N, C-alpha and C. Protein backbone atom coordinates (compact mmCIF):
# COMPACT_ATOMS: atom_id res chain seq x y z
N UNK A 1 30.05 256.96 39.50
CA UNK A 1 30.22 258.24 39.00
C UNK A 1 29.34 259.03 38.96
N UNK A 2 28.17 258.80 38.65
CA UNK A 2 26.90 259.56 38.27
C UNK A 2 26.60 260.41 39.83
N UNK A 3 26.54 259.65 41.08
CA UNK A 3 26.31 260.58 42.23
C UNK A 3 27.58 261.34 42.47
N UNK A 4 28.87 260.91 41.94
CA UNK A 4 29.84 262.03 42.12
C UNK A 4 29.93 263.40 41.29
N UNK A 5 29.28 263.14 39.93
CA UNK A 5 29.36 264.07 39.17
C UNK A 5 28.06 264.98 39.54
N UNK A 6 27.00 264.62 40.15
CA UNK A 6 25.77 265.54 40.72
C UNK A 6 26.35 266.28 41.60
N UNK A 7 27.24 266.13 42.53
CA UNK A 7 27.96 266.58 43.68
C UNK A 7 28.83 267.14 43.39
N UNK A 8 29.52 267.15 42.21
CA UNK A 8 30.88 268.07 41.67
C UNK A 8 30.55 269.52 41.16
N UNK A 9 31.55 270.25 41.54
CA UNK A 9 31.72 271.52 40.98
C UNK A 9 32.55 271.61 39.80
N UNK A 10 33.42 270.68 39.90
CA UNK A 10 34.35 270.73 38.70
C UNK A 10 34.81 269.16 38.79
N UNK A 11 34.80 269.01 37.32
CA UNK A 11 35.27 267.62 36.86
C UNK A 11 36.43 267.73 35.76
N UNK A 12 37.26 266.90 36.03
CA UNK A 12 38.75 266.76 35.16
C UNK A 12 38.51 265.45 34.66
N UNK A 13 38.30 265.35 33.38
CA UNK A 13 38.25 264.04 32.87
C UNK A 13 39.02 263.38 31.88
N UNK A 14 39.62 262.52 31.73
CA UNK A 14 40.52 261.93 30.92
C UNK A 14 40.03 260.61 30.33
N UNK A 15 39.12 260.78 29.16
CA UNK A 15 38.61 259.36 28.39
C UNK A 15 39.22 259.36 27.20
N UNK A 16 39.05 258.02 26.47
CA UNK A 16 39.75 257.67 25.23
C UNK A 16 38.47 257.68 24.08
N UNK A 17 38.53 258.10 23.16
CA UNK A 17 39.02 259.17 22.76
C UNK A 17 38.49 260.71 23.48
N UNK A 18 37.30 260.76 23.65
CA UNK A 18 36.51 261.64 24.07
C UNK A 18 35.71 261.39 25.20
N UNK A 19 35.23 262.44 25.92
CA UNK A 19 34.57 262.42 27.29
C UNK A 19 32.97 262.36 26.61
N UNK A 20 32.42 261.19 27.53
CA UNK A 20 31.12 260.85 27.05
C UNK A 20 30.11 261.98 27.36
N UNK A 21 30.62 262.89 28.27
CA UNK A 21 29.65 264.07 28.60
C UNK A 21 29.58 265.19 27.53
N UNK A 22 30.68 265.01 26.35
CA UNK A 22 30.67 265.99 25.77
C UNK A 22 30.51 265.60 24.21
N UNK A 23 29.71 264.32 24.01
CA UNK A 23 29.39 263.68 22.88
C UNK A 23 27.77 264.10 22.29
N UNK A 24 27.73 263.93 21.27
CA UNK A 24 26.33 264.46 20.88
C UNK A 24 25.27 263.36 21.06
N UNK A 25 23.82 263.81 21.03
CA UNK A 25 22.76 262.98 21.27
C UNK A 25 22.71 261.56 20.67
N UNK A 26 23.31 261.62 19.20
CA UNK A 26 23.17 260.63 18.64
C UNK A 26 24.39 259.38 18.91
N UNK A 27 25.25 259.67 19.63
CA UNK A 27 26.32 259.17 20.20
C UNK A 27 25.90 258.03 20.99
N UNK A 28 24.68 258.11 21.98
CA UNK A 28 24.51 257.38 22.71
C UNK A 28 23.75 256.07 21.92
N UNK A 29 23.08 256.15 20.70
CA UNK A 29 22.77 255.02 20.15
C UNK A 29 23.69 254.06 19.33
N UNK A 30 24.92 254.80 19.08
CA UNK A 30 25.98 254.46 18.36
C UNK A 30 26.74 253.29 19.49
N UNK A 31 26.90 254.06 20.72
CA UNK A 31 27.39 253.04 22.04
C UNK A 31 26.78 252.13 22.13
N UNK A 32 25.54 251.78 22.30
CA UNK A 32 24.84 250.92 22.48
C UNK A 32 24.93 249.86 21.45
N UNK A 33 25.13 250.05 20.32
CA UNK A 33 25.23 249.29 19.10
C UNK A 33 26.77 248.83 19.29
N UNK A 34 27.50 249.31 19.44
CA UNK A 34 28.99 248.93 19.93
C UNK A 34 28.99 248.08 20.91
N UNK A 35 28.40 248.31 21.97
CA UNK A 35 28.21 247.08 22.81
C UNK A 35 27.85 245.86 22.77
N UNK A 36 26.70 246.06 22.02
CA UNK A 36 26.09 244.87 21.63
C UNK A 36 27.08 243.80 20.68
N UNK A 37 27.41 244.50 19.76
CA UNK A 37 28.71 244.03 18.76
C UNK A 37 29.38 243.31 19.42
N UNK A 38 29.77 243.89 20.68
CA UNK A 38 31.18 243.40 21.29
C UNK A 38 30.98 242.16 22.25
N UNK A 39 29.62 241.87 22.16
CA UNK A 39 29.09 240.91 23.18
C UNK A 39 29.97 239.29 22.71
N UNK A 40 30.70 238.83 23.49
CA UNK A 40 31.55 237.37 22.66
C UNK A 40 30.44 236.27 22.34
N UNK A 41 31.08 235.50 21.62
CA UNK A 41 30.37 234.51 21.00
C UNK A 41 30.02 233.47 22.04
N UNK A 42 29.16 232.83 22.28
CA UNK A 42 28.82 231.69 23.30
C UNK A 42 28.02 232.34 24.59
N UNK A 43 27.65 233.86 24.77
CA UNK A 43 27.36 234.52 25.95
C UNK A 43 26.16 234.52 25.44
N UNK A 44 25.32 234.56 26.76
CA UNK A 44 23.83 234.78 26.37
C UNK A 44 23.36 235.97 26.08
N UNK A 45 22.98 236.09 24.58
CA UNK A 45 22.84 237.28 24.40
C UNK A 45 21.87 238.15 24.93
N UNK A 46 20.64 237.67 25.39
CA UNK A 46 19.33 238.43 25.94
C UNK A 46 19.95 239.10 27.18
N UNK A 47 20.72 238.14 28.46
CA UNK A 47 21.17 238.82 29.65
C UNK A 47 22.15 239.86 29.33
N UNK A 48 23.43 239.52 28.23
CA UNK A 48 24.21 240.55 28.03
C UNK A 48 23.51 241.81 27.18
N UNK A 49 22.33 241.75 26.75
CA UNK A 49 21.73 242.87 26.40
C UNK A 49 20.92 243.64 27.41
N UNK A 50 20.27 242.88 28.45
CA UNK A 50 19.82 243.63 29.49
C UNK A 50 20.60 244.23 30.15
N UNK A 51 22.09 243.77 30.65
CA UNK A 51 23.04 244.45 31.18
C UNK A 51 23.42 245.45 30.38
N UNK A 52 23.67 245.65 29.19
CA UNK A 52 23.99 246.73 28.64
C UNK A 52 22.93 248.03 28.62
N UNK A 53 21.54 247.55 28.31
CA UNK A 53 20.41 248.60 28.48
C UNK A 53 20.57 249.25 29.83
N UNK A 54 20.92 248.19 30.99
CA UNK A 54 20.95 249.18 32.41
C UNK A 54 22.18 250.09 32.14
N UNK A 55 23.25 249.57 31.69
CA UNK A 55 24.40 250.87 31.96
C UNK A 55 24.12 251.97 30.73
N UNK A 56 23.09 251.61 29.82
CA UNK A 56 23.10 252.59 28.90
C UNK A 56 21.98 253.77 29.85
N UNK A 57 20.92 253.28 30.38
CA UNK A 57 19.96 254.01 31.18
C UNK A 57 20.79 255.08 32.24
N UNK A 58 21.79 254.64 32.67
CA UNK A 58 22.91 255.21 33.86
C UNK A 58 23.41 256.43 32.95
N UNK A 59 24.19 256.11 31.85
CA UNK A 59 25.01 256.94 30.87
C UNK A 59 23.94 258.00 30.41
N UNK A 60 22.82 257.66 29.91
CA UNK A 60 21.62 258.43 29.28
C UNK A 60 21.31 259.62 30.37
N UNK A 61 21.27 258.98 31.61
CA UNK A 61 21.06 259.87 32.96
C UNK A 61 21.69 260.70 33.21
N UNK A 62 23.39 260.52 33.06
CA UNK A 62 24.43 261.41 33.15
C UNK A 62 24.02 262.76 32.28
N UNK A 63 23.72 262.24 31.03
CA UNK A 63 23.42 263.67 30.24
C UNK A 63 22.39 264.70 30.53
N UNK A 64 21.40 264.01 31.16
CA UNK A 64 20.07 264.75 31.25
C UNK A 64 20.09 265.54 32.40
N UNK A 65 20.84 264.78 33.82
CA UNK A 65 21.14 265.92 34.85
C UNK A 65 22.15 266.95 34.84
N UNK A 66 21.64 267.77 35.87
CA UNK A 66 22.47 269.01 35.81
C UNK A 66 24.26 268.83 35.60
N UNK A 67 24.78 269.70 34.51
CA UNK A 67 26.18 269.26 34.47
C UNK A 67 27.34 269.96 35.79
N UNK A 68 28.21 269.56 36.18
CA UNK A 68 29.09 270.27 36.85
C UNK A 68 29.58 271.70 36.24
N UNK A 69 29.51 272.79 37.31
CA UNK A 69 29.84 274.08 36.93
C UNK A 69 30.98 273.66 36.15
N UNK A 70 31.83 273.04 36.01
CA UNK A 70 33.20 273.25 35.10
C UNK A 70 33.47 271.83 34.54
N UNK A 71 33.52 271.57 33.36
CA UNK A 71 34.23 269.99 32.88
C UNK A 71 35.54 270.48 32.33
N UNK A 72 36.54 269.70 32.43
CA UNK A 72 37.80 269.92 32.05
C UNK A 72 38.31 268.62 30.89
N UNK A 73 37.90 268.31 29.77
CA UNK A 73 38.51 267.28 29.26
C UNK A 73 39.85 267.13 28.40
N UNK A 74 40.29 266.32 28.80
CA UNK A 74 41.69 265.96 28.18
C UNK A 74 41.71 264.99 26.99
N UNK A 75 42.15 265.39 25.77
CA UNK A 75 42.06 264.47 24.56
C UNK A 75 43.52 264.24 24.14
N UNK A 76 43.62 262.94 23.49
CA UNK A 76 44.82 262.79 22.75
C UNK A 76 44.70 262.71 21.55
N UNK A 77 45.58 263.44 20.61
CA UNK A 77 45.42 263.47 19.06
C UNK A 77 45.47 261.86 18.27
N UNK A 78 46.54 261.16 18.88
CA UNK A 78 46.59 259.96 18.25
C UNK A 78 45.28 258.89 18.66
N UNK A 79 44.63 259.33 19.82
CA UNK A 79 43.43 258.37 20.00
C UNK A 79 42.19 258.95 19.03
N UNK A 80 42.14 260.17 18.62
CA UNK A 80 41.20 260.82 17.96
C UNK A 80 41.60 260.49 16.49
N UNK A 81 42.82 260.06 15.98
CA UNK A 81 43.14 259.46 14.85
C UNK A 81 42.83 257.94 14.72
N UNK A 82 42.88 257.42 15.76
CA UNK A 82 42.45 256.02 15.61
C UNK A 82 41.03 255.87 15.49
N UNK A 83 40.36 256.70 16.52
CA UNK A 83 38.65 256.71 16.49
C UNK A 83 38.21 257.33 15.15
N UNK A 84 38.88 258.06 14.23
CA UNK A 84 38.54 258.23 12.98
C UNK A 84 38.86 257.29 11.92
N UNK A 85 39.97 256.69 12.26
CA UNK A 85 40.29 255.32 11.33
C UNK A 85 39.12 253.84 11.31
N UNK A 86 38.88 253.90 12.72
CA UNK A 86 38.08 252.75 12.90
C UNK A 86 36.64 253.11 12.93
N UNK A 87 36.20 254.09 13.36
CA UNK A 87 34.82 254.21 13.28
C UNK A 87 34.02 253.88 14.91
N UNK A 88 32.81 253.85 14.79
CA UNK A 88 32.14 253.77 16.20
C UNK A 88 31.79 251.80 15.82
N UNK A 89 32.58 251.21 16.02
CA UNK A 89 32.48 249.61 16.07
C UNK A 89 33.11 249.20 17.18
N UNK A 90 32.04 248.00 17.32
CA UNK A 90 32.54 246.94 18.20
C UNK A 90 33.09 245.59 18.05
N UNK A 91 33.26 245.37 16.80
CA UNK A 91 33.96 244.30 16.22
C UNK A 91 34.62 244.86 14.72
N UNK A 92 35.54 243.65 14.28
CA UNK A 92 35.96 244.35 12.97
C UNK A 92 35.26 243.59 11.83
N UNK A 93 34.47 242.61 12.06
CA UNK A 93 33.74 241.90 10.69
C UNK A 93 32.49 242.60 10.25
N UNK A 94 32.51 243.83 10.04
CA UNK A 94 31.51 244.46 9.61
C UNK A 94 31.64 244.51 8.06
N UNK A 95 30.46 244.64 7.12
CA UNK A 95 30.20 245.11 5.92
C UNK A 95 31.04 246.51 5.60
N UNK A 96 31.55 246.29 4.50
CA UNK A 96 32.31 247.50 4.21
C UNK A 96 31.54 248.77 4.25
N UNK A 97 30.31 248.75 3.38
CA UNK A 97 29.39 249.78 3.72
C UNK A 97 28.94 250.17 5.05
N UNK A 98 28.75 249.47 5.91
CA UNK A 98 28.21 249.65 7.21
C UNK A 98 29.53 250.38 7.98
N UNK A 99 30.68 249.77 7.91
CA UNK A 99 32.20 250.18 8.47
C UNK A 99 32.34 251.66 8.04
N UNK A 100 32.01 252.11 6.62
CA UNK A 100 32.13 253.50 5.97
C UNK A 100 30.93 254.34 6.82
N UNK A 101 29.62 253.80 7.21
CA UNK A 101 28.85 254.60 7.76
C UNK A 101 29.27 255.13 9.27
N UNK A 102 30.02 253.55 10.03
CA UNK A 102 30.58 253.91 11.13
C UNK A 102 31.74 255.10 11.23
N UNK A 103 32.44 255.16 10.35
CA UNK A 103 33.47 256.27 10.44
C UNK A 103 32.63 257.56 9.99
N UNK A 104 31.84 257.83 9.38
CA UNK A 104 31.21 258.87 9.28
C UNK A 104 30.93 259.34 10.53
N UNK A 105 30.16 258.63 11.42
CA UNK A 105 29.63 258.85 12.83
C UNK A 105 30.72 259.29 13.63
N UNK A 106 31.72 258.55 13.44
CA UNK A 106 33.02 259.03 14.30
C UNK A 106 33.63 260.46 13.98
N UNK A 107 33.40 260.64 12.74
CA UNK A 107 34.05 261.60 12.45
C UNK A 107 32.96 263.03 12.87
N UNK A 108 31.96 262.94 13.00
CA UNK A 108 30.70 263.48 13.50
C UNK A 108 31.01 264.16 14.66
N UNK A 109 31.38 263.28 15.68
CA UNK A 109 32.08 263.55 17.00
C UNK A 109 32.95 264.26 17.24
N UNK A 110 33.95 264.00 16.32
CA UNK A 110 35.12 264.89 16.40
C UNK A 110 34.90 266.31 15.88
N UNK A 111 33.98 266.04 14.83
CA UNK A 111 33.81 267.67 14.50
C UNK A 111 32.84 268.39 15.81
N UNK A 112 32.26 267.70 16.29
CA UNK A 112 31.16 268.22 17.42
C UNK A 112 32.30 268.83 18.42
N UNK A 113 33.45 268.02 18.68
CA UNK A 113 34.50 268.25 19.81
C UNK A 113 35.10 269.74 19.05
N UNK A 114 35.34 269.65 17.86
CA UNK A 114 36.14 270.97 17.24
C UNK A 114 35.27 272.18 17.29
N UNK A 115 34.22 271.90 17.33
CA UNK A 115 32.95 273.08 17.39
C UNK A 115 32.98 273.52 18.94
N UNK A 116 33.31 272.71 19.69
CA UNK A 116 33.10 273.08 20.86
C UNK A 116 34.82 273.69 21.35
N UNK A 117 35.68 273.75 20.78
CA UNK A 117 36.79 274.22 21.09
C UNK A 117 36.75 275.74 20.12
N UNK A 118 36.25 275.81 19.08
CA UNK A 118 36.16 276.88 18.21
C UNK A 118 35.49 277.83 18.85
N UNK A 119 33.98 277.27 19.24
CA UNK A 119 33.19 278.09 19.90
C UNK A 119 32.98 277.78 21.54
N UNK A 120 33.64 278.07 22.25
CA UNK A 120 33.47 277.45 23.87
C UNK A 120 32.29 277.75 24.31
N UNK A 121 31.92 276.96 25.03
CA UNK A 121 30.49 277.19 26.00
C UNK A 121 31.25 277.44 27.64
N UNK A 122 30.11 277.94 27.92
CA UNK A 122 30.53 278.43 29.23
C UNK A 122 30.61 276.59 30.13
N UNK A 123 31.59 276.98 31.07
CA UNK A 123 31.93 275.70 31.79
C UNK A 123 32.50 274.64 31.19
N UNK A 124 32.92 274.68 29.87
CA UNK A 124 33.33 273.47 28.99
C UNK A 124 34.74 274.12 28.65
N UNK A 125 35.98 273.24 29.27
CA UNK A 125 37.23 273.69 28.62
C UNK A 125 37.73 272.02 28.01
N UNK A 126 38.58 272.16 27.04
CA UNK A 126 38.94 270.97 26.47
C UNK A 126 40.50 271.06 25.97
N UNK A 127 41.48 270.41 26.50
CA UNK A 127 43.05 270.42 26.15
C UNK A 127 43.12 269.19 25.15
N UNK A 128 43.64 269.57 24.22
CA UNK A 128 44.09 268.71 23.11
C UNK A 128 45.47 268.21 23.25
N UNK A 129 46.22 267.13 23.44
CA UNK A 129 47.55 266.92 23.75
C UNK A 129 48.10 265.82 22.34
N UNK A 130 49.03 266.72 21.81
CA UNK A 130 49.59 265.90 20.60
C UNK A 130 50.59 264.80 20.91
N UNK A 131 50.17 263.81 21.61
CA UNK A 131 51.08 262.65 21.74
C UNK A 131 50.38 261.44 22.51
N UNK A 132 50.64 260.41 22.61
CA UNK A 132 50.04 259.18 23.05
C UNK A 132 50.14 259.28 24.68
N UNK A 133 48.87 258.98 25.29
CA UNK A 133 48.97 259.34 26.86
C UNK A 133 48.90 257.81 27.46
N UNK A 134 48.99 257.72 28.61
CA UNK A 134 48.83 256.36 29.16
C UNK A 134 47.28 255.76 28.89
N UNK A 135 47.15 254.55 28.90
CA UNK A 135 46.14 253.93 28.39
C UNK A 135 45.12 253.75 29.56
N UNK A 136 44.31 254.50 30.06
CA UNK A 136 43.83 254.47 31.27
C UNK A 136 42.61 255.66 31.12
N UNK A 137 41.76 255.56 31.85
CA UNK A 137 40.60 256.77 32.09
C UNK A 137 40.57 257.23 33.62
N UNK A 138 40.72 258.45 33.53
CA UNK A 138 40.29 258.77 35.13
C UNK A 138 39.67 260.16 35.12
N UNK A 139 39.03 260.26 36.21
CA UNK A 139 38.17 261.37 36.63
C UNK A 139 38.28 262.02 38.09
N UNK A 140 38.47 263.45 38.07
CA UNK A 140 38.79 264.33 39.40
C UNK A 140 37.78 264.73 39.78
N UNK A 141 36.69 264.44 40.60
CA UNK A 141 35.49 264.96 41.22
C UNK A 141 35.85 266.40 42.30
N UNK A 142 35.94 267.54 42.04
CA UNK A 142 36.17 268.40 43.02
C UNK A 142 34.89 269.20 43.74
N UNK A 143 34.77 268.99 44.59
CA UNK A 143 33.71 269.63 45.24
C UNK A 143 34.53 270.55 46.51
N UNK A 144 33.53 271.45 47.07
CA UNK A 144 33.98 272.19 48.33
C UNK A 144 34.51 271.37 49.35
N UNK A 145 33.71 270.18 49.27
CA UNK A 145 34.04 269.13 50.63
C UNK A 145 35.40 268.34 50.36
N UNK A 146 35.84 268.05 49.38
CA UNK A 146 37.02 266.83 49.04
C UNK A 146 37.15 266.84 47.40
N UNK A 147 38.10 266.33 46.83
CA UNK A 147 38.32 265.79 45.69
C UNK A 147 38.42 264.09 45.76
N UNK A 148 37.64 264.05 44.66
CA UNK A 148 37.75 262.29 44.80
C UNK A 148 37.96 261.75 43.40
N UNK A 149 39.04 260.93 43.37
CA UNK A 149 39.28 260.03 42.01
C UNK A 149 38.82 258.80 41.59
N UNK A 150 38.40 258.85 40.29
CA UNK A 150 37.86 257.61 39.79
C UNK A 150 38.76 257.07 38.89
N UNK A 151 39.27 255.93 38.90
CA UNK A 151 40.13 255.22 37.74
C UNK A 151 39.44 254.18 37.52
N UNK A 152 39.30 254.17 35.96
CA UNK A 152 38.58 253.17 35.29
C UNK A 152 39.38 252.59 33.99
N UNK A 153 39.28 250.99 33.82
CA UNK A 153 39.74 250.13 32.79
C UNK A 153 39.22 249.99 31.83
N UNK A 154 37.73 250.71 31.76
CA UNK A 154 36.41 250.29 30.90
C UNK A 154 36.59 251.31 30.02
N UNK A 155 36.09 250.72 28.64
CA UNK A 155 36.18 251.59 27.73
C UNK A 155 34.63 251.95 27.11
N UNK A 156 34.28 253.11 26.63
CA UNK A 156 32.86 253.44 26.17
C UNK A 156 33.18 254.09 24.81
N UNK A 157 34.25 253.62 23.99
CA UNK A 157 34.22 253.89 22.56
C UNK A 157 34.28 252.94 21.60
N UNK A 158 35.32 253.24 20.42
CA UNK A 158 35.32 252.00 19.52
C UNK A 158 36.27 250.87 20.22
N UNK A 159 35.68 249.92 19.79
CA UNK A 159 36.21 248.64 20.43
C UNK A 159 35.94 248.60 21.96
N UNK A 160 34.60 248.84 22.43
CA UNK A 160 34.36 249.12 24.05
C UNK A 160 34.71 247.93 24.95
N UNK A 161 34.77 248.10 26.17
CA UNK A 161 35.15 247.05 27.08
C UNK A 161 34.14 247.32 28.42
N UNK A 162 33.27 246.72 28.93
CA UNK A 162 32.55 246.99 29.98
C UNK A 162 32.49 245.73 30.80
N UNK A 163 33.02 244.49 30.54
CA UNK A 163 32.61 243.43 30.68
C UNK A 163 33.92 243.14 32.00
N UNK A 164 35.17 243.12 31.70
CA UNK A 164 36.33 243.03 32.69
C UNK A 164 37.22 244.24 33.11
N UNK A 165 37.72 244.02 34.25
CA UNK A 165 38.49 245.32 34.95
C UNK A 165 38.09 245.54 36.36
N UNK A 166 38.77 246.27 36.95
CA UNK A 166 38.49 246.51 38.29
C UNK A 166 38.55 248.14 38.05
N UNK A 167 37.75 249.24 38.51
CA UNK A 167 37.50 250.29 38.75
C UNK A 167 37.80 250.87 40.14
N UNK A 168 38.26 251.99 40.46
CA UNK A 168 38.66 252.14 41.70
C UNK A 168 37.78 253.64 42.15
N UNK A 169 37.71 253.95 43.23
CA UNK A 169 37.25 255.36 43.54
C UNK A 169 37.81 255.48 45.00
N UNK A 170 38.54 256.59 44.92
CA UNK A 170 38.93 256.84 46.28
C UNK A 170 39.54 258.52 46.28
N UNK A 171 39.29 258.93 47.79
CA UNK A 171 39.45 260.33 48.28
C UNK A 171 40.95 260.24 48.91
N UNK A 172 41.82 259.22 49.15
CA UNK A 172 43.06 259.22 49.55
C UNK A 172 43.68 260.45 49.10
N UNK A 173 44.50 260.72 50.14
CA UNK A 173 45.19 262.09 49.50
C UNK A 173 46.25 262.04 48.78
N UNK A 174 46.94 260.70 48.89
CA UNK A 174 48.31 260.67 47.94
C UNK A 174 47.81 260.25 46.81
N UNK A 175 46.78 259.24 46.71
CA UNK A 175 46.37 259.26 45.30
C UNK A 175 45.74 260.30 44.42
N UNK A 176 45.12 261.07 45.12
CA UNK A 176 44.45 262.29 44.69
C UNK A 176 45.48 263.04 44.21
N UNK A 177 46.41 263.02 44.93
CA UNK A 177 47.72 264.13 44.63
C UNK A 177 48.64 263.66 43.41
N UNK A 178 48.63 262.47 43.35
CA UNK A 178 49.31 261.88 41.96
C UNK A 178 48.74 262.63 40.81
N UNK A 179 47.11 262.14 40.57
CA UNK A 179 46.64 262.47 39.65
C UNK A 179 46.22 263.90 39.20
N UNK A 180 46.03 264.37 40.52
CA UNK A 180 46.24 266.06 40.40
C UNK A 180 47.34 266.63 39.67
N UNK A 181 48.44 266.20 39.78
CA UNK A 181 49.89 266.29 39.28
C UNK A 181 49.48 265.79 37.91
N UNK A 182 49.28 264.84 37.62
CA UNK A 182 49.09 264.51 36.18
C UNK A 182 48.38 265.15 35.42
N UNK A 183 47.40 265.52 35.81
CA UNK A 183 46.29 266.28 35.10
C UNK A 183 46.76 267.59 34.84
N UNK A 184 47.35 268.27 35.99
CA UNK A 184 47.93 269.26 35.83
C UNK A 184 49.03 269.61 34.66
N UNK A 185 49.96 268.69 34.74
CA UNK A 185 50.89 268.57 33.77
C UNK A 185 50.44 268.25 32.36
N UNK A 186 49.60 267.34 32.15
CA UNK A 186 48.83 267.64 30.77
C UNK A 186 48.02 268.65 30.12
N UNK A 187 47.44 269.34 31.27
CA UNK A 187 46.85 270.49 31.02
C UNK A 187 47.83 271.64 30.46
N UNK A 188 48.87 271.59 31.07
CA UNK A 188 49.90 272.74 30.82
C UNK A 188 50.70 272.57 29.44
N UNK A 189 50.63 271.34 29.10
CA UNK A 189 51.06 271.06 27.65
C UNK A 189 50.10 271.01 26.73
N UNK A 190 48.74 271.15 27.06
CA UNK A 190 47.69 271.02 25.84
C UNK A 190 47.79 272.29 25.13
N UNK A 191 47.01 271.78 23.92
CA UNK A 191 46.51 272.92 23.01
C UNK A 191 45.09 273.38 23.47
N UNK A 192 44.77 274.70 23.46
CA UNK A 192 43.50 275.01 23.93
C UNK A 192 42.84 275.96 22.98
N UNK A 193 41.55 276.11 22.97
CA UNK A 193 40.59 277.05 22.20
C UNK A 193 40.99 276.90 20.72
N UNK A 194 41.42 278.32 19.99
CA UNK A 194 41.45 278.26 18.63
C UNK A 194 42.67 277.15 18.15
N UNK A 195 43.83 277.16 18.69
CA UNK A 195 44.83 276.50 18.41
C UNK A 195 44.17 275.09 18.17
N UNK A 196 43.89 274.56 19.42
CA UNK A 196 43.20 273.26 19.42
C UNK A 196 42.40 272.90 18.07
N UNK A 197 41.25 273.91 18.02
CA UNK A 197 40.44 273.76 16.93
C UNK A 197 41.17 273.60 15.26
N UNK A 198 41.99 274.41 15.43
CA UNK A 198 42.79 274.18 13.98
C UNK A 198 43.48 272.79 14.00
N UNK A 199 44.14 272.45 15.12
CA UNK A 199 44.98 271.27 14.97
C UNK A 199 43.99 270.05 14.91
N UNK A 200 42.59 270.08 15.43
CA UNK A 200 41.89 269.16 15.40
C UNK A 200 41.32 269.14 13.93
N UNK A 201 41.14 270.38 13.35
CA UNK A 201 40.59 270.43 11.89
C UNK A 201 41.67 269.89 10.82
N UNK A 202 42.85 269.91 11.22
CA UNK A 202 43.91 269.15 10.45
C UNK A 202 43.89 267.78 10.59
N UNK A 203 43.50 267.19 11.92
CA UNK A 203 43.43 265.92 11.78
C UNK A 203 42.11 265.12 11.13
N UNK A 204 41.18 265.91 11.10
CA UNK A 204 39.85 265.59 10.66
C UNK A 204 40.31 265.73 8.79
N UNK A 205 40.93 266.87 8.36
CA UNK A 205 41.09 266.74 6.88
C UNK A 205 42.03 265.50 6.45
N UNK A 206 43.21 265.25 7.57
CA UNK A 206 43.83 264.31 7.13
C UNK A 206 43.14 262.84 6.72
N UNK A 207 42.08 262.67 7.59
CA UNK A 207 40.97 261.22 7.38
C UNK A 207 40.11 261.85 6.26
N UNK A 208 40.23 262.82 5.84
CA UNK A 208 38.98 263.06 4.72
C UNK A 208 38.83 262.58 3.33
N UNK A 209 40.42 261.81 3.14
CA UNK A 209 40.54 261.34 1.92
C UNK A 209 39.50 259.92 2.08
N UNK A 210 39.94 259.39 3.05
CA UNK A 210 39.26 257.83 3.59
C UNK A 210 37.55 258.31 3.32
N UNK A 211 37.27 259.70 4.42
CA UNK A 211 35.93 259.88 4.41
C UNK A 211 35.09 260.32 3.09
N UNK A 212 35.87 261.02 1.99
CA UNK A 212 35.14 260.81 0.41
C UNK A 212 35.06 259.65 -0.12
N UNK A 213 36.03 258.91 0.08
CA UNK A 213 35.80 257.32 -0.48
C UNK A 213 34.99 256.70 0.39
N UNK A 214 34.36 256.87 1.53
CA UNK A 214 33.36 256.16 2.32
C UNK A 214 32.10 256.52 1.76
N UNK A 215 32.02 258.11 1.59
CA UNK A 215 30.74 258.47 0.88
C UNK A 215 30.43 257.85 0.00
N UNK A 216 31.53 257.92 -1.04
CA UNK A 216 31.21 257.26 -2.61
C UNK A 216 30.63 256.03 -2.63
N UNK A 217 31.38 255.32 -1.51
CA UNK A 217 30.95 253.76 -1.49
C UNK A 217 29.34 254.03 -1.12
N UNK A 218 29.00 254.61 -0.03
CA UNK A 218 27.89 254.65 0.57
C UNK A 218 26.86 254.81 -0.46
N UNK A 219 27.00 256.12 -1.50
CA UNK A 219 26.15 256.57 -2.71
C UNK A 219 25.86 255.56 -3.59
N UNK A 220 27.00 254.79 -3.86
CA UNK A 220 27.23 253.35 -4.97
C UNK A 220 26.32 252.48 -4.57
N UNK A 221 26.45 252.03 -3.25
CA UNK A 221 25.44 251.17 -2.70
C UNK A 221 24.15 251.36 -2.58
N UNK A 222 23.76 252.68 -2.44
CA UNK A 222 22.33 253.22 -2.79
C UNK A 222 21.53 253.01 -3.95
N UNK A 223 23.00 253.31 -5.06
CA UNK A 223 22.40 253.44 -6.14
C UNK A 223 21.89 251.89 -6.57
N UNK A 224 22.96 251.12 -6.44
CA UNK A 224 22.95 249.46 -6.78
C UNK A 224 21.71 249.23 -6.02
N UNK A 225 21.07 249.61 -4.82
CA UNK A 225 19.89 248.85 -4.39
C UNK A 225 18.63 249.50 -4.97
N UNK A 226 18.88 250.75 -5.46
CA UNK A 226 17.58 251.15 -5.94
C UNK A 226 17.45 250.75 -7.44
N UNK A 227 18.54 250.55 -8.28
CA UNK A 227 18.55 249.78 -9.51
C UNK A 227 18.11 248.39 -9.42
N UNK A 228 18.68 247.50 -8.23
CA UNK A 228 17.95 246.21 -7.79
C UNK A 228 16.44 246.17 -7.59
N UNK A 229 16.06 247.16 -6.82
CA UNK A 229 14.32 247.25 -6.87
C UNK A 229 13.69 247.56 -7.86
N UNK A 230 14.20 248.54 -8.50
CA UNK A 230 13.39 248.88 -10.18
C UNK A 230 13.39 247.70 -10.77
N UNK A 231 14.66 246.96 -10.97
CA UNK A 231 14.50 245.75 -12.06
C UNK A 231 13.69 244.67 -11.27
N UNK A 232 13.63 244.44 -10.32
CA UNK A 232 12.69 243.37 -9.54
C UNK A 232 11.22 243.85 -9.77
N UNK A 233 10.94 245.27 -9.80
CA UNK A 233 9.67 245.52 -9.85
C UNK A 233 9.14 245.37 -11.06
N UNK A 234 10.08 245.38 -12.19
CA UNK A 234 9.63 245.32 -13.71
C UNK A 234 9.26 243.85 -14.12
N UNK A 235 10.03 242.99 -13.07
CA UNK A 235 9.82 241.56 -13.36
C UNK A 235 8.68 240.83 -13.03
N UNK A 236 7.99 240.09 -13.76
CA UNK A 236 6.51 239.50 -13.57
C UNK A 236 6.58 238.61 -12.25
């Protein structure tokens, strides 16, 4: 996909919950952490981490290379809500304080998306769809020569999966046409610009009660640690 992006003039991306190309610089670190957490017990950790680092290097290169002239991202509201609830996690058995920090990191990514909607950048268009979408990621790479379709079962967000699945890349006219029609249908029904930004603000606000509790929990944890360190320092 990296080579396809470099040669494309336009990319239509449907990822869950957001396109990696539109994430913040800090998300790359969180993604690596999620992938390491998701390594199953019993697997060779060193070899798994080496594979993860190879993938992360490829993803990092995608962000530094010239972006296609136009990126169109399709985002589902229910998937954003799931992302805000779970946070940037690779497994569920995390301490409460750590899980709170991961939810804050997820909210930071969605706030970045809201900012891109409220203050659009040249070449970036985002459509917000207020319903559950098919559980599959796809991209359409458009160039002067042809349009190429990539369909992927892999997930590079919360509870990621990069180990099992079969991705397909094709320029077959029938397959491309099916996904072109799907993308056009989704785009026609999507909220865009300021309306989408307002809707996303509502979603973020709805998760705000949990966010306030998480920030309070993090502050309480910091106070407890400080108190414990001071007590230890006083003891002979």
